């Protein structure tokens, strides 16, 4: 196996794993809608993108600064994506 083919295989695997991760996030968000924790009109792909962008940004900022406050800020940002509401199935 050449270096180029190893890189291609690694790239394909990373793409596959990212797609699986994205699918898990979307399924969790759909379950949250079904349980009444998110509004029925939630844009699942958009919210998934926002959650993943927040996670990636949080990781990058923490890796650069090692500031644990970054996680508290990320929690507040995540809460802003999903304002509190009453569950329909409580």
C-alpha atoms as a PDB file:
ATOM      1  CA  UNK A   1       0.000   0.000   0.000  1.00  0.00           C
ATOM      2  CA  UNK A   2       1.427   3.356  -0.988  1.00  0.00           C
ATOM      3  CA  UNK A   3       1.540   6.456   1.168  1.00  0.00           C
ATOM      4  CA  UNK A   4      -1.070   8.085  -1.080  1.00  0.00           C
ATOM      5  CA  UNK A   5      -3.501   5.182  -0.723  1.00  0.00           C
ATOM      6  CA  UNK A   6      -3.011   5.126   3.063  1.00  0.00           C
ATOM      7  CA  UNK A   7      -3.850   8.825   3.200  1.00  0.00           C
ATOM      8  CA  UNK A   8      -6.923   8.269   1.013  1.00  0.00           C
ATOM      9  CA  UNK A   9      -8.095   5.421   3.256  1.00  0.00           C
ATOM     10  CA  UNK A  10      -7.548   7.529   6.373  1.00  0.00           C
ATOM     11  CA  UNK A  11      -9.437  10.428   4.807  1.00  0.00           C
ATOM     12  CA  UNK A  12     -12.343   8.184   3.837  1.00  0.00           C
ATOM     13  CA  UNK A  13     -12.478   6.746   7.367  1.00  0.00           C
ATOM     14  CA  UNK A  14     -12.505  10.198   8.958  1.00  0.00           C
ATOM     15  CA  UNK A  15     -15.307  11.276   6.601  1.00  0.00           C
ATOM     16  CA  UNK A  16     -17.256   8.126   7.513  1.00  0.00           C
ATOM     17  CA  UNK A  17     -16.796   8.686  11.256  1.00  0.00           C
ATOM     18  CA  UNK A  18     -17.856  12.332  10.969  1.00  0.00           C
ATOM     19  CA  UNK A  19     -20.996  11.318   9.073  1.00  0.00           C
ATOM     20  CA  UNK A  20     -21.809   8.762  11.778  1.00  0.00           C
ATOM     21  CA  UNK A  21     -21.263  11.382  14.500  1.00  0.00           C
ATOM     22  CA  UNK A  22     -23.486  13.851  12.659  1.00  0.00           C
ATOM     23  CA  UNK A  23     -26.169  11.177  12.371  1.00  0.00           C
ATOM     24  CA  UNK A  24     -26.046  10.526  16.113  1.00  0.00           C
ATOM     25  CA  UNK A  25     -26.414  14.252  16.883  1.00  0.00           C
ATOM     26  CA  UNK A  26     -29.381  14.520  14.508  1.00  0.00           C
ATOM     27  CA  UNK A  27     -31.067  11.443  16.016  1.00  0.00           C
ATOM     28  CA  UNK A  28     -30.652  12.842  19.533  1.00  0.00           C
ATOM     29  CA  UNK A  29     -32.142  16.162  18.434  1.00  0.00           C
ATOM     30  CA  UNK A  30     -35.078  14.371  16.757  1.00  0.00           C
ATOM     31  CA  UNK A  31     -35.649  12.406  19.961  1.00  0.00           C
ATOM     32  CA  UNK A  32     -35.608  15.682  21.920  1.00  0.00           C
ATOM     33  CA  UNK A  33     -38.278  17.083  19.603  1.00  0.00           C
ATOM     34  CA  UNK A  34     -40.368  13.931  19.981  1.00  0.00           C
ATOM     35  CA  UNK A  35     -40.055  14.132  23.785  1.00  0.00           C
ATOM     36  CA  UNK A  36     -41.108  17.772  23.788  1.00  0.00           C
ATOM     37  CA  UNK A  37     -37.730  19.137  24.874  1.00  0.00           C
ATOM     38  CA  UNK A  38     -37.336  21.076  21.625  1.00  0.00           C
ATOM     39  CA  UNK A  39     -40.000  22.822  19.556  1.00  0.00           C
ATOM     40  CA  UNK A  40     -41.607  20.815  16.759  1.00  0.00           C
ATOM     41  CA  UNK A  41     -40.353  23.343  14.206  1.00  0.00           C
ATOM     42  CA  UNK A  42     -36.695  22.863  15.213  1.00  0.00           C
ATOM     43  CA  UNK A  43     -34.422  22.909  12.168  1.00  0.00           C
ATOM     44  CA  UNK A  44     -32.577  19.681  13.007  1.00  0.00           C
ATOM     45  CA  UNK A  45     -29.749  19.969  10.420  1.00  0.00           C
ATOM     46  CA  UNK A  46     -29.105  23.593  11.399  1.00  0.00           C
ATOM     47  CA  UNK A  47     -29.121  22.890  15.127  1.00  0.00           C
ATOM     48  CA  UNK A  48     -26.837  19.907  14.575  1.00  0.00           C
ATOM     49  CA  UNK A  49     -24.432  22.146  12.662  1.00  0.00           C
ATOM     50  CA  UNK A  50     -24.508  24.759  15.433  1.00  0.00           C
ATOM     51  CA  UNK A  51     -23.872  22.174  18.150  1.00  0.00           C
ATOM     52  CA  UNK A  52     -20.970  20.674  16.215  1.00  0.00           C
ATOM     53  CA  UNK A  53     -19.497  24.110  15.476  1.00  0.00           C
ATOM     54  CA  UNK A  54     -19.738  24.986  19.156  1.00  0.00           C
ATOM     55  CA  UNK A  55     -18.023  21.742  20.163  1.00  0.00           C
ATOM     56  CA  UNK A  56     -15.226  22.230  17.618  1.00  0.00           C
ATOM     57  CA  UNK A  57     -14.701  25.852  18.608  1.00  0.00           C
ATOM     58  CA  UNK A  58     -14.689  25.005  22.294  1.00  0.00           C
ATOM     59  CA  UNK A  59     -12.113  22.294  21.742  1.00  0.00           C
ATOM     60  CA  UNK A  60      -9.883  24.583  19.679  1.00  0.00           C
ATOM     61  CA  UNK A  61     -10.057  27.421  22.199  1.00  0.00           C
ATOM     62  CA  UNK A  62      -9.343  25.112  25.120  1.00  0.00           C
ATOM     63  CA  UNK A  63      -6.405  23.508  23.332  1.00  0.00           C
ATOM     64  CA  UNK A  64      -4.929  26.952  22.688  1.00  0.00           C
ATOM     65  CA  UNK A  65      -5.625  28.569  26.055  1.00  0.00           C
ATOM     66  CA  UNK A  66      -6.159  25.716  28.555  1.00  0.00           C
ATOM     67  CA  UNK A  67      -8.712  28.024  30.195  1.00  0.00           C
ATOM     68  CA  UNK A  68     -11.370  25.876  31.913  1.00  0.00           C
ATOM     69  CA  UNK A  69     -13.803  28.827  31.777  1.00  0.00           C
ATOM     70  CA  UNK A  70     -14.220  28.041  28.089  1.00  0.00           C
ATOM     71  CA  UNK A  71     -16.425  25.068  28.998  1.00  0.00           C
ATOM     72  CA  UNK A  72     -18.735  27.242  31.085  1.00  0.00           C
ATOM     73  CA  UNK A  73     -19.029  29.677  28.181  1.00  0.00           C
ATOM     74  CA  UNK A  74     -19.793  26.771  25.851  1.00  0.00           C
ATOM     75  CA  UNK A  75     -22.557  25.570  28.188  1.00  0.00           C
ATOM     76  CA  UNK A  76     -24.106  29.048  28.149  1.00  0.00           C
ATOM     77  CA  UNK A  77     -23.862  29.164  24.356  1.00  0.00           C
ATOM     78  CA  UNK A  78     -25.494  25.738  24.088  1.00  0.00           C
ATOM     79  CA  UNK A  79     -28.293  26.839  26.411  1.00  0.00           C
ATOM     80  CA  UNK A  80     -28.858  29.849  24.152  1.00  0.00           C
ATOM     81  CA  UNK A  81     -29.387  27.457  21.231  1.00  0.00           C
ATOM     82  CA  UNK A  82     -32.141  25.749  23.209  1.00  0.00           C
ATOM     83  CA  UNK A  83     -34.060  28.181  25.408  1.00  0.00           C
ATOM     84  CA  UNK A  84     -35.827  26.457  28.318  1.00  0.00           C
ATOM     85  CA  UNK A  85     -39.375  25.316  27.658  1.00  0.00           C
ATOM     86  CA  UNK A  86     -41.800  22.948  29.256  1.00  0.00           C
ATOM     87  CA  UNK A  87     -41.862  19.416  27.994  1.00  0.00           C
ATOM     88  CA  UNK A  88     -45.118  18.346  26.319  1.00  0.00           C
ATOM     89  CA  UNK A  89     -44.687  14.877  27.816  1.00  0.00           C
ATOM     90  CA  UNK A  90     -43.864  15.804  31.404  1.00  0.00           C
END
